[in-house]
Amino acid sequence: MSKQHPTVPIFGIPFSKMSMDETVRYLTTAIEEGRQTHIITANPIMIMAALDNPAFADIMNKADLIVPDGAGVVWAAKYGGNPVAERVTGFDLMHRLLEQGEKRRWKAYLLGTSQEIIEAAAEKLQLQYPQVRIVGYRNGFFGPDDDAEIVDEIASLQPHLLFVARGMEKEAWNVQYKEKLGVPFIMGVGGSFDVVSGKLKRAPMVYQKLRLEWLYRLLQEPTRYKRMLALPKFVVKVIRNKENVTKSRPIG
C-alpha cells in the first residue's frame, strides 16, 4: 500500500500526522477495499531502538503507517517544529476499528501474549462487539517452526483485522509474513490485550492528560524499568538535536 498520507520524520521514522478520526477513516476505506495495511504504533522506546539497530529501523520503515502512540512522540514532533495532529494510541485505535467492524460485520483474529490472557481478551471483545466475528486467537509463544502452520491458519480464516501482541522485537514477523497472511489490516497492539482481559488497568485519565501513562504502567509492571530507561535518553536527544529532530535523515 502506498504511503498516501501526511507524515513527519522523527529521527528518520515517518510518523503519520493524521488525527484519530482521520486515521480511522483512512484505514476503514483501505480495509473495505481490501488494501493491505501494516500499522506500527510507535513510542520513543521504539525510536531509540531503531536508532541503535538499523535492522529494526528497516522494519519500521517497511510499515504502511506508523502512528504516534507515545506522548513523547507528539512532544518531539511539536518541539521540532512539525507537529502531528494528536496522539493515536494502539489501544484506542483497536477499539475504534472494532466499532467500524460492528457496522460492517468484519472478522478479527487475535495473536499473542499468554493463553490465559488471549482467551479472556477474545471473550471480552466478542461480548463488547457482538457483530464482529472473532474467528480465532492464539498465544504468542511459538517459534519459527510453527510459523507456516499459524500463517496458513490465519490466512484460511480470512479476517479483516489481525491484532498482534508479541512485543516490538517480533514486529519483524508482521513484515515477513504480511503477504502470505493476506489480511487487509495488521497491527501490533502492545499490552492492549492485558488491559482488555483485566490483567492490567489502563492509566486513569489524569495520568493520560499529564502524559504519565508510562509511569502508571511501570508501577504495575516494575520489570519494565530497563526498557523505560530509553525515555530520558530520548528527551535529551530531542533537546540536543532540536534543529534536526524532524529532518528526513536519521541522526546517529
C-alpha atoms as a PDB file:
ATOM      1  CA  MET A   1       0.000   0.000   0.000  1.00  0.00           C
ATOM      2  CA  SER A   2       1.416   3.383  -0.956  1.00  0.00           C
ATOM      3  CA  LYS A   3       2.006   5.857   1.836  1.00  0.00           C
ATOM      4  CA  GLN A   4      -0.509   8.475   0.691  1.00  0.00           C
ATOM      5  CA  HIS A   5      -0.853  10.283   3.977  1.00  0.00           C
ATOM      6  CA  PRO A   6       0.960  13.246   5.538  1.00  0.00           C
ATOM      7  CA  THR A   7       3.971  12.277   7.649  1.00  0.00           C
ATOM      8  CA  VAL A   8       6.650  13.876   9.770  1.00  0.00           C
ATOM      9  CA  PRO A   9      10.017  12.115  10.174  1.00  0.00           C
ATOM     10  CA  ILE A  10      11.235  11.879  13.748  1.00  0.00           C
ATOM     11  CA  PHE A  11      14.899  10.882  13.602  1.00  0.00           C
ATOM     12  CA  GLY A  12      14.136   9.328  10.228  1.00  0.00           C
ATOM     13  CA  ILE A  13      11.000   7.385  11.252  1.00  0.00           C
ATOM     14  CA  PRO A  14       7.948   8.626   9.268  1.00  0.00           C
ATOM     15  CA  PHE A  15       5.049   9.260  11.651  1.00  0.00           C
ATOM     16  CA  SER A  16       1.523   9.883  10.448  1.00  0.00           C
ATOM     17  CA  LYS A  17       0.242  13.419  11.005  1.00  0.00           C
ATOM     18  CA  MET A  18      -3.389  12.304  10.815  1.00  0.00           C
ATOM     19  CA  SER A  19      -5.792  12.681  13.733  1.00  0.00           C
ATOM     20  CA  MET A  20      -7.513   9.648  15.240  1.00  0.00           C
ATOM     21  CA  ASP A  21     -10.696  10.289  13.229  1.00  0.00           C
ATOM     22  CA  GLU A  22      -8.719  10.745  10.002  1.00  0.00           C
ATOM     23  CA  THR A  23      -6.745   7.564  10.720  1.00  0.00           C
ATOM     24  CA  VAL A  24      -9.925   5.549  11.305  1.00  0.00           C
ATOM     25  CA  ARG A  25     -11.477   6.827   8.058  1.00  0.00           C
ATOM     26  CA  TYR A  26      -8.260   6.155   6.131  1.00  0.00           C
ATOM     27  CA  LEU A  27      -7.983   2.600   7.469  1.00  0.00           C
ATOM     28  CA  THR A  28     -11.687   1.797   7.120  1.00  0.00           C
ATOM     29  CA  THR A  29     -11.535   2.664   3.427  1.00  0.00           C
ATOM     30  CA  ALA A  30      -8.381   0.581   2.950  1.00  0.00           C
ATOM     31  CA  ILE A  31      -9.902  -2.429   4.749  1.00  0.00           C
ATOM     32  CA  GLU A  32     -13.167  -2.210   2.804  1.00  0.00           C
ATOM     33  CA  GLU A  33     -11.182  -2.059  -0.437  1.00  0.00           C
ATOM     34  CA  GLY A  34      -9.014  -4.995   0.663  1.00  0.00           C
ATOM     35  CA  ARG A  35      -5.773  -2.983   0.503  1.00  0.00           C
ATOM     36  CA  GLN A  36      -3.178  -4.366   2.896  1.00  0.00           C
ATOM     37  CA  THR A  37      -2.033  -2.032   5.650  1.00  0.00           C
ATOM     38  CA  HIS A  38       0.549  -2.934   8.259  1.00  0.00           C
ATOM     39  CA  ILE A  39       0.412  -0.476  11.185  1.00  0.00           C
ATOM     40  CA  ILE A  40       3.082   0.151  13.787  1.00  0.00           C
ATOM     41  CA  THR A  41       2.029   2.043  16.900  1.00  0.00           C
ATOM     42  CA  ALA A  42       5.318   3.611  17.899  1.00  0.00           C
ATOM     43  CA  ASN A  43       6.672   5.324  21.000  1.00  0.00           C
ATOM     44  CA  PRO A  44      10.030   6.852  21.983  1.00  0.00           C
ATOM     45  CA  ILE A  45      11.368   3.462  23.105  1.00  0.00           C
ATOM     46  CA  MET A  46      10.883   2.145  19.576  1.00  0.00           C
ATOM     47  CA  ILE A  47      12.507   5.233  18.034  1.00  0.00           C
ATOM     48  CA  MET A  48      15.569   4.746  20.242  1.00  0.00           C
ATOM     49  CA  ALA A  49      15.652   1.047  19.346  1.00  0.00           C
ATOM     50  CA  ALA A  50      15.576   1.977  15.642  1.00  0.00           C
ATOM     51  CA  LEU A  51      18.470   4.431  16.121  1.00  0.00           C
ATOM     52  CA  ASP A  52      20.510   1.727  17.851  1.00  0.00           C
ATOM     53  CA  ASN A  53      19.574  -1.073  15.446  1.00  0.00           C
ATOM     54  CA  PRO A  54      19.476  -0.439  11.671  1.00  0.00           C
ATOM     55  CA  ALA A  55      17.646  -3.748  11.113  1.00  0.00           C
ATOM     56  CA  PHE A  56      14.807  -2.610  13.374  1.00  0.00           C
ATOM     57  CA  ALA A  57      14.758   0.800  11.664  1.00  0.00           C
ATOM     58  CA  ASP A  58      14.358  -1.023   8.344  1.00  0.00           C
ATOM     59  CA  ILE A  59      11.411  -2.996   9.746  1.00  0.00           C
ATOM     60  CA  MET A  60       9.722   0.186  10.941  1.00  0.00           C
ATOM     61  CA  ASN A  61      10.221   1.873   7.584  1.00  0.00           C
ATOM     62  CA  LYS A  62       8.547  -1.076   5.836  1.00  0.00           C
ATOM     63  CA  ALA A  63       5.295  -0.409   7.714  1.00  0.00           C
ATOM     64  CA  ASP A  64       2.490   1.182   5.694  1.00  0.00           C
ATOM     65  CA  LEU A  65       1.533   3.500   8.539  1.00  0.00           C
ATOM     66  CA  ILE A  66       3.300   4.488  11.771  1.00  0.00           C
ATOM     67  CA  VAL A  67       1.076   6.252  14.292  1.00  0.00           C
ATOM     68  CA  PRO A  68       2.286   8.342  17.258  1.00  0.00           C
ATOM     69  CA  ASP A  69       1.273   6.109  20.154  1.00  0.00           C
ATOM     70  CA  GLY A  70       3.568   7.657  22.760  1.00  0.00           C
ATOM     71  CA  ALA A  71       3.069  11.123  24.248  1.00  0.00           C
ATOM     72  CA  GLY A  72       6.820  11.630  23.811  1.00  0.00           C
ATOM     73  CA  VAL A  73       6.450  11.315  20.035  1.00  0.00           C
ATOM     74  CA  VAL A  74       3.776  14.048  19.998  1.00  0.00           C
ATOM     75  CA  TRP A  75       6.025  16.284  22.099  1.00  0.00           C
ATOM     76  CA  ALA A  76       9.090  15.651  19.923  1.00  0.00           C
ATOM     77  CA  ALA A  77       7.235  16.498  16.705  1.00  0.00           C
ATOM     78  CA  LYS A  78       5.946  19.753  18.198  1.00  0.00           C
ATOM     79  CA  TYR A  79       9.356  20.603  19.702  1.00  0.00           C
ATOM     80  CA  GLY A  80      10.967  20.015  16.308  1.00  0.00           C
ATOM     81  CA  GLY A  81       8.515  22.406  14.656  1.00  0.00           C
ATOM     82  CA  ASN A  82       6.470  19.885  12.639  1.00  0.00           C
ATOM     83  CA  PRO A  83       3.624  18.706  14.907  1.00  0.00           C
ATOM     84  CA  VAL A  84       1.331  15.724  14.462  1.00  0.00           C
ATOM     85  CA  ALA A  85      -2.430  16.230  14.881  1.00  0.00           C
ATOM     86  CA  GLU A  86      -2.661  14.258  18.130  1.00  0.00           C
ATOM     87  CA  ARG A  87      -1.681  11.071  19.862  1.00  0.00           C
ATOM     88  CA  VAL A  88      -3.139   7.962  18.207  1.00  0.00           C
ATOM     89  CA  THR A  89      -2.859   5.102  20.684  1.00  0.00           C
ATOM     90  CA  GLY A  90      -2.961   1.492  19.584  1.00  0.00           C
ATOM     91  CA  PHE A  91      -5.457   0.644  22.327  1.00  0.00           C
ATOM     92  CA  ASP A  92      -7.949   3.288  21.200  1.00  0.00           C
ATOM     93  CA  LEU A  93      -7.352   2.596  17.508  1.00  0.00           C
ATOM     94  CA  MET A  94      -8.081  -1.098  18.057  1.00  0.00           C
ATOM     95  CA  HIS A  95     -11.422  -0.257  19.671  1.00  0.00           C
ATOM     96  CA  ARG A  96     -12.308   2.339  17.044  1.00  0.00           C
ATOM     97  CA  LEU A  97     -11.723  -0.201  14.274  1.00  0.00           C
ATOM     98  CA  LEU A  98     -13.747  -2.843  16.099  1.00  0.00           C
ATOM     99  CA  GLU A  99     -16.555  -0.272  16.255  1.00  0.00           C
ATOM    100  CA  GLN A 100     -16.299   0.021  12.470  1.00  0.00           C
ATOM    101  CA  GLY A 101     -16.290  -3.759  12.301  1.00  0.00           C
ATOM    102  CA  GLU A 102     -19.583  -3.814  14.216  1.00  0.00           C
ATOM    103  CA  LYS A 103     -21.239  -1.839  11.433  1.00  0.00           C
ATOM    104  CA  ARG A 104     -19.640  -3.877   8.667  1.00  0.00           C
ATOM    105  CA  ARG A 105     -19.561  -7.364  10.253  1.00  0.00           C
ATOM    106  CA  TRP A 106     -15.818  -7.688   9.903  1.00  0.00           C
ATOM    107  CA  LYS A 107     -13.869 -10.710  11.120  1.00  0.00           C
ATOM    108  CA  ALA A 108     -10.912 -10.440  13.521  1.00  0.00           C
ATOM    109  CA  TYR A 109      -8.076 -12.660  14.708  1.00  0.00           C
ATOM    110  CA  LEU A 110      -6.089 -12.114  17.918  1.00  0.00           C
ATOM    111  CA  LEU A 111      -2.480 -13.291  18.222  1.00  0.00           C
ATOM    112  CA  GLY A 112      -0.018 -13.063  21.075  1.00  0.00           C
ATOM    113  CA  THR A 113       0.531 -12.864  24.838  1.00  0.00           C
ATOM    114  CA  SER A 114      -0.309 -15.836  27.137  1.00  0.00           C
ATOM    115  CA  GLN A 115      -3.083 -18.368  26.512  1.00  0.00           C
ATOM    116  CA  GLU A 116      -4.988 -17.197  29.582  1.00  0.00           C
ATOM    117  CA  ILE A 117      -4.885 -13.533  28.576  1.00  0.00           C
ATOM    118  CA  ILE A 118      -5.682 -14.078  24.890  1.00  0.00           C
ATOM    119  CA  GLU A 119      -8.681 -16.279  25.774  1.00  0.00           C
ATOM    120  CA  ALA A 120     -10.023 -13.681  28.205  1.00  0.00           C
ATOM    121  CA  ALA A 121      -9.431 -10.845  25.717  1.00  0.00           C
ATOM    122  CA  ALA A 122     -11.178 -12.743  22.914  1.00  0.00           C
ATOM    123  CA  GLU A 123     -14.183 -13.462  25.132  1.00  0.00           C
ATOM    124  CA  LYS A 124     -14.493  -9.844  26.318  1.00  0.00           C
ATOM    125  CA  LEU A 125     -14.060  -8.321  22.875  1.00  0.00           C
ATOM    126  CA  GLN A 126     -16.621 -10.710  21.402  1.00  0.00           C
ATOM    127  CA  LEU A 127     -19.125  -9.652  24.066  1.00  0.00           C
ATOM    128  CA  GLN A 128     -18.339  -5.977  23.527  1.00  0.00           C
ATOM    129  CA  TYR A 129     -18.552  -6.207  19.733  1.00  0.00           C
ATOM    130  CA  PRO A 130     -21.056  -8.999  19.010  1.00  0.00           C
ATOM    131  CA  GLN A 131     -21.339  -8.193  15.290  1.00  0.00           C
ATOM    132  CA  VAL A 132     -17.580  -8.661  14.842  1.00  0.00           C
ATOM    133  CA  ARG A 133     -16.671 -12.311  14.399  1.00  0.00           C
ATOM    134  CA  ILE A 134     -13.580 -13.240  16.404  1.00  0.00           C
ATOM    135  CA  VAL A 135     -12.680 -16.085  14.062  1.00  0.00           C
ATOM    136  CA  GLY A 136      -9.637 -17.228  16.017  1.00  0.00           C
ATOM    137  CA  TYR A 137      -6.970 -16.497  18.588  1.00  0.00           C
ATOM    138  CA  ARG A 138      -3.629 -17.957  19.619  1.00  0.00           C
ATOM    139  CA  ASN A 139      -1.000 -17.246  22.245  1.00  0.00           C
ATOM    140  CA  GLY A 140       2.301 -15.695  21.225  1.00  0.00           C
ATOM    141  CA  PHE A 141       4.581 -18.448  22.488  1.00  0.00           C
ATOM    142  CA  PHE A 142       5.697 -20.064  19.275  1.00  0.00           C
ATOM    143  CA  GLY A 143       8.882 -20.228  17.240  1.00  0.00           C
ATOM    144  CA  PRO A 144       9.876 -20.215  13.572  1.00  0.00           C
ATOM    145  CA  ASP A 145       8.994 -23.905  13.194  1.00  0.00           C
ATOM    146  CA  ASP A 146       5.344 -23.053  13.884  1.00  0.00           C
ATOM    147  CA  ASP A 147       5.152 -20.006  11.628  1.00  0.00           C
ATOM    148  CA  ALA A 148       3.940 -21.719   8.455  1.00  0.00           C
ATOM    149  CA  GLU A 149       1.089 -23.509  10.235  1.00  0.00           C
ATOM    150  CA  ILE A 150      -0.055 -20.360  12.041  1.00  0.00           C
ATOM    151  CA  VAL A 151       0.172 -18.175   8.943  1.00  0.00           C
ATOM    152  CA  ASP A 152      -1.824 -20.746   6.932  1.00  0.00           C
ATOM    153  CA  GLU A 153      -4.497 -20.927   9.635  1.00  0.00           C
ATOM    154  CA  ILE A 154      -4.940 -17.156   9.800  1.00  0.00           C
ATOM    155  CA  ALA A 155      -4.928 -16.822   6.004  1.00  0.00           C
ATOM    156  CA  SER A 156      -7.588 -19.540   5.662  1.00  0.00           C
ATOM    157  CA  LEU A 157      -9.896 -17.743   8.113  1.00  0.00           C
ATOM    158  CA  GLN A 158      -9.651 -14.524   6.056  1.00  0.00           C
ATOM    159  CA  PRO A 159     -10.038 -11.990   8.880  1.00  0.00           C
ATOM    160  CA  HIS A 160     -10.284  -8.299   8.069  1.00  0.00           C
ATOM    161  CA  LEU A 161      -8.337  -7.398  11.217  1.00  0.00           C
ATOM    162  CA  LEU A 162      -5.271  -9.060  12.745  1.00  0.00           C
ATOM    163  CA  PHE A 163      -4.159  -7.708  16.120  1.00  0.00           C
ATOM    164  CA  VAL A 164      -0.761  -8.951  17.295  1.00  0.00           C
ATOM    165  CA  ALA A 165       0.707  -8.673  20.801  1.00  0.00           C
ATOM    166  CA  ARG A 166       4.186 -10.176  20.660  1.00  0.00           C
ATOM    167  CA  GLY A 167       6.369  -7.201  21.585  1.00  0.00           C
ATOM    168  CA  MET A 168       8.245  -4.784  19.389  1.00  0.00           C
ATOM    169  CA  GLU A 169      11.057  -7.304  18.961  1.00  0.00           C
ATOM    170  CA  LYS A 170       8.633  -9.512  16.983  1.00  0.00           C
ATOM    171  CA  GLU A 171       7.384  -6.734  14.694  1.00  0.00           C
ATOM    172  CA  ALA A 172       9.578  -8.322  12.019  1.00  0.00           C
ATOM    173  CA  TRP A 173       7.133 -11.256  11.961  1.00  0.00           C
ATOM    174  CA  ASN A 174       4.351  -8.994  10.714  1.00  0.00           C
ATOM    175  CA  VAL A 175       6.602  -7.667   7.948  1.00  0.00           C
ATOM    176  CA  GLN A 176       7.904 -11.108   6.979  1.00  0.00           C
ATOM    177  CA  TYR A 177       4.507 -12.761   6.645  1.00  0.00           C
ATOM    178  CA  LYS A 178       2.304  -9.845   5.590  1.00  0.00           C
ATOM    179  CA  GLU A 179       1.840 -11.031   2.015  1.00  0.00           C
ATOM    180  CA  LYS A 180       1.241 -14.684   2.935  1.00  0.00           C
ATOM    181  CA  LEU A 181      -1.286 -13.696   5.602  1.00  0.00           C
ATOM    182  CA  GLY A 182      -3.241 -11.660   3.069  1.00  0.00           C
ATOM    183  CA  VAL A 183      -5.048  -9.800   5.883  1.00  0.00           C
ATOM    184  CA  PRO A 184      -6.165  -6.244   4.973  1.00  0.00           C
ATOM    185  CA  PHE A 185      -5.161  -4.860   8.372  1.00  0.00           C
ATOM    186  CA  ILE A 186      -2.287  -5.949  10.677  1.00  0.00           C
ATOM    187  CA  MET A 187      -1.340  -4.048  13.819  1.00  0.00           C
ATOM    188  CA  GLY A 188       0.845  -4.680  16.840  1.00  0.00           C
ATOM    189  CA  VAL A 189      -1.127  -3.781  19.965  1.00  0.00           C
ATOM    190  CA  GLY A 190       1.483  -3.904  22.732  1.00  0.00           C
ATOM    191  CA  GLY A 191      -0.148  -4.539  26.114  1.00  0.00           C
ATOM    192  CA  SER A 192      -3.717  -3.917  24.910  1.00  0.00           C
ATOM    193  CA  PHE A 193      -4.846  -7.499  25.483  1.00  0.00           C
ATOM    194  CA  ASP A 194      -3.551  -7.310  29.062  1.00  0.00           C
ATOM    195  CA  VAL A 195      -5.861  -4.341  29.645  1.00  0.00           C
ATOM    196  CA  VAL A 196      -8.831  -5.846  27.791  1.00  0.00           C
ATOM    197  CA  SER A 197      -8.501  -9.114  29.730  1.00  0.00           C
ATOM    198  CA  GLY A 198      -8.398  -7.267  33.051  1.00  0.00           C
ATOM    199  CA  LYS A 199      -4.854  -8.320  33.952  1.00  0.00           C
ATOM    200  CA  LEU A 200      -3.694  -4.693  33.832  1.00  0.00           C
ATOM    201  CA  LYS A 201      -5.606  -1.469  34.289  1.00  0.00           C
ATOM    202  CA  ARG A 202      -5.293   1.335  31.799  1.00  0.00           C
ATOM    203  CA  ALA A 203      -3.885   4.530  33.238  1.00  0.00           C
ATOM    204  CA  PRO A 204      -6.592   6.850  34.629  1.00  0.00           C
ATOM    205  CA  MET A 205      -7.353   9.925  32.528  1.00  0.00           C
ATOM    206  CA  VAL A 206      -5.334  12.170  34.849  1.00  0.00           C
ATOM    207  CA  TYR A 207      -2.194  10.144  34.018  1.00  0.00           C
ATOM    208  CA  GLN A 208      -3.042  10.275  30.312  1.00  0.00           C
ATOM    209  CA  LYS A 209      -3.531  14.061  30.355  1.00  0.00           C
ATOM    210  CA  LEU A 210      -0.252  14.545  32.227  1.00  0.00           C
ATOM    211  CA  ARG A 211       1.465  12.223  29.721  1.00  0.00           C
ATOM    212  CA  LEU A 212       2.426   9.874  32.529  1.00  0.00           C
ATOM    213  CA  GLU A 213       0.916   6.615  31.258  1.00  0.00           C
ATOM    214  CA  TRP A 214       4.435   5.195  31.159  1.00  0.00           C
ATOM    215  CA  LEU A 215       4.745   5.811  34.917  1.00  0.00           C
ATOM    216  CA  TYR A 216       1.410   4.141  35.664  1.00  0.00           C
ATOM    217  CA  ARG A 217       2.425   1.101  33.636  1.00  0.00           C
ATOM    218  CA  LEU A 218       5.812   0.992  35.328  1.00  0.00           C
ATOM    219  CA  LEU A 219       4.092   0.952  38.719  1.00  0.00           C
ATOM    220  CA  GLN A 220       2.047  -2.055  37.567  1.00  0.00           C
ATOM    221  CA  GLU A 221       4.997  -3.776  35.883  1.00  0.00           C
ATOM    222  CA  PRO A 222       8.255  -2.808  37.663  1.00  0.00           C
ATOM    223  CA  THR A 223      10.192  -5.284  35.498  1.00  0.00           C
ATOM    224  CA  ARG A 224       9.801  -2.833  32.594  1.00  0.00           C
ATOM    225  CA  TYR A 225      12.204  -0.349  34.182  1.00  0.00           C
ATOM    226  CA  LYS A 226      15.165  -1.299  31.947  1.00  0.00           C
ATOM    227  CA  ARG A 227      13.126  -0.606  28.842  1.00  0.00           C
ATOM    228  CA  MET A 228      11.909   2.686  30.318  1.00  0.00           C
ATOM    229  CA  LEU A 229      15.493   3.944  30.592  1.00  0.00           C
ATOM    230  CA  ALA A 230      15.234   4.855  26.908  1.00  0.00           C
ATOM    231  CA  LEU A 231      12.723   7.609  27.723  1.00  0.00           C
ATOM    232  CA  PRO A 232      15.097  10.129  29.361  1.00  0.00           C
ATOM    233  CA  LYS A 233      17.681   9.364  26.662  1.00  0.00           C
ATOM    234  CA  PHE A 234      15.074  10.216  24.039  1.00  0.00           C
ATOM    235  CA  VAL A 235      14.224  13.530  25.731  1.00  0.00           C
ATOM    236  CA  VAL A 236      17.905  14.508  25.880  1.00  0.00           C
ATOM    237  CA  LYS A 237      18.435  13.528  22.240  1.00  0.00           C
ATOM    238  CA  VAL A 238      15.451  15.626  21.097  1.00  0.00           C
ATOM    239  CA  ILE A 239      16.574  18.688  23.075  1.00  0.00           C
ATOM    240  CA  ARG A 240      20.176  18.426  21.855  1.00  0.00           C
ATOM    241  CA  ASN A 241      19.089  17.979  18.236  1.00  0.00           C
ATOM    242  CA  LYS A 242      16.125  20.359  18.076  1.00  0.00           C
ATOM    243  CA  GLU A 243      17.003  21.613  14.597  1.00  0.00           C
ATOM    244  CA  ASN A 244      17.239  18.072  13.208  1.00  0.00           C
ATOM    245  CA  VAL A 245      14.508  16.143  15.045  1.00  0.00           C
ATOM    246  CA  THR A 246      12.087  16.296  12.118  1.00  0.00           C
ATOM    247  CA  LYS A 247      14.639  16.146   9.301  1.00  0.00           C
ATOM    248  CA  SER A 248      14.226  13.221   6.929  1.00  0.00           C
ATOM    249  CA  ARG A 249      17.624  11.681   7.630  1.00  0.00           C
ATOM    250  CA  PRO A 250      18.167   9.822  10.902  1.00  0.00           C
ATOM    251  CA  ILE A 251      20.763  11.112  13.354  1.00  0.00           C
ATOM    252  CA  GLY A 252      23.473   8.784  14.656  1.00  0.00           C
END
